Amino acid sequence: MRHALDPVLRWLGQAVTVFSPVAGAPASSLAHDLLELLLAPRMTMSDGELGELYDRVACLKS
């Protein structure tokens, strides 16, 4: 598992280990939210769920 995550840790650095709160949702890291957005099953997600993922990434990047 660590071998697979080495590139993520190298490229995203602190985004993997720094957790940020978002109102009404559990704290999450930018890396987690980006991976969730990348790997989320689009065919089974509602527009609202997908929008929430995009909003989390937009809120955390600034």
C-alpha atoms as a PDB file:
ATOM      1  CA  MET A   1       0.000   0.000   0.000  1.00  0.00           C
ATOM      2  CA  ARG A   2       2.766   2.433   0.895  1.00  0.00           C
ATOM      3  CA  HIS A   3       4.515   1.773  -2.413  1.00  0.00           C
ATOM      4  CA  ALA A   4       1.337   2.712  -4.278  1.00  0.00           C
ATOM      5  CA  LEU A   5       0.954   5.918  -2.259  1.00  0.00           C
ATOM      6  CA  ASP A   6       4.562   7.142  -2.560  1.00  0.00           C
ATOM      7  CA  PRO A   7       3.787   9.245  -5.677  1.00  0.00           C
ATOM      8  CA  VAL A   8       0.738  10.740  -3.971  1.00  0.00           C
ATOM      9  CA  LEU A   9       2.798  11.740  -0.936  1.00  0.00           C
ATOM     10  CA  ARG A  10       5.575  13.143  -3.130  1.00  0.00           C
ATOM     11  CA  TRP A  11       3.281  15.191  -5.418  1.00  0.00           C
ATOM     12  CA  LEU A  12       0.647  16.336  -2.941  1.00  0.00           C
ATOM     13  CA  GLY A  13       2.846  16.695   0.140  1.00  0.00           C
ATOM     14  CA  GLN A  14       1.005  18.280   3.064  1.00  0.00           C
ATOM     15  CA  ALA A  15      -2.313  18.120   1.231  1.00  0.00           C
ATOM     16  CA  VAL A  16      -2.350  14.465   2.307  1.00  0.00           C
ATOM     17  CA  THR A  17      -1.795  15.084   6.003  1.00  0.00           C
ATOM     18  CA  VAL A  18      -3.496  18.425   6.681  1.00  0.00           C
ATOM     19  CA  PHE A  19      -7.184  18.113   7.491  1.00  0.00           C
ATOM     20  CA  SER A  20      -9.559  21.022   6.986  1.00  0.00           C
ATOM     21  CA  PRO A  21     -13.115  21.340   8.250  1.00  0.00           C
ATOM     22  CA  VAL A  22     -15.933  22.127   5.845  1.00  0.00           C
ATOM     23  CA  ALA A  23     -19.237  23.343   7.285  1.00  0.00           C
ATOM     24  CA  GLY A  24     -21.695  20.475   7.652  1.00  0.00           C
ATOM     25  CA  ALA A  25     -19.186  17.775   6.686  1.00  0.00           C
ATOM     26  CA  PRO A  26     -16.427  15.836   8.418  1.00  0.00           C
ATOM     27  CA  ALA A  27     -12.899  17.222   8.236  1.00  0.00           C
ATOM     28  CA  SER A  28     -11.014  15.930   5.233  1.00  0.00           C
ATOM     29  CA  SER A  29      -7.727  16.462   3.443  1.00  0.00           C
ATOM     30  CA  LEU A  30      -7.463  18.009  -0.001  1.00  0.00           C
ATOM     31  CA  ALA A  31      -5.774  14.836  -1.236  1.00  0.00           C
ATOM     32  CA  HIS A  32      -8.668  12.694   0.013  1.00  0.00           C
ATOM     33  CA  ASP A  33     -11.228  14.912  -1.666  1.00  0.00           C
ATOM     34  CA  LEU A  34      -9.290  14.998  -4.949  1.00  0.00           C
ATOM     35  CA  LEU A  35      -8.977  11.205  -4.984  1.00  0.00           C
ATOM     36  CA  GLU A  36     -12.647  10.843  -4.094  1.00  0.00           C
ATOM     37  CA  LEU A  37     -13.534  13.152  -6.973  1.00  0.00           C
ATOM     38  CA  LEU A  38     -11.293  11.213  -9.344  1.00  0.00           C
ATOM     39  CA  LEU A  39     -12.504   7.757  -8.306  1.00  0.00           C
ATOM     40  CA  ALA A  40     -16.164   8.467  -7.545  1.00  0.00           C
ATOM     41  CA  PRO A  41     -18.625   6.272  -9.463  1.00  0.00           C
ATOM     42  CA  ARG A  42     -20.253   8.883 -11.746  1.00  0.00           C
ATOM     43  CA  MET A  43     -23.022   6.557 -12.921  1.00  0.00           C
ATOM     44  CA  THR A  44     -24.382   6.012  -9.410  1.00  0.00           C
ATOM     45  CA  MET A  45     -23.910   9.547  -8.051  1.00  0.00           C
ATOM     46  CA  SER A  46     -26.535  12.241  -8.091  1.00  0.00           C
ATOM     47  CA  ASP A  47     -25.712  15.682  -9.442  1.00  0.00           C
ATOM     48  CA  GLY A  48     -25.935  16.984  -5.879  1.00  0.00           C
ATOM     49  CA  GLU A  49     -23.370  14.486  -4.571  1.00  0.00           C
ATOM     50  CA  LEU A  50     -20.970  15.301  -7.381  1.00  0.00           C
ATOM     51  CA  GLY A  51     -21.496  19.011  -6.786  1.00  0.00           C
ATOM     52  CA  GLU A  52     -20.669  18.551  -3.088  1.00  0.00           C
ATOM     53  CA  LEU A  53     -17.355  16.897  -4.018  1.00  0.00           C
ATOM     54  CA  TYR A  54     -16.458  19.778  -6.331  1.00  0.00           C
ATOM     55  CA  ASP A  55     -17.439  22.292  -3.631  1.00  0.00           C
ATOM     56  CA  ARG A  56     -15.216  20.564  -1.054  1.00  0.00           C
ATOM     57  CA  VAL A  57     -12.211  20.692  -3.390  1.00  0.00           C
ATOM     58  CA  ALA A  58     -12.930  24.340  -4.255  1.00  0.00           C
ATOM     59  CA  CYS A  59     -13.203  25.269  -0.555  1.00  0.00           C
ATOM     60  CA  LEU A  60     -10.044  23.446   0.494  1.00  0.00           C
ATOM     61  CA  LYS A  61      -7.723  24.643  -2.238  1.00  0.00           C
ATOM     62  CA  SER A  62      -7.918  28.297  -1.227  1.00  0.00           C
END
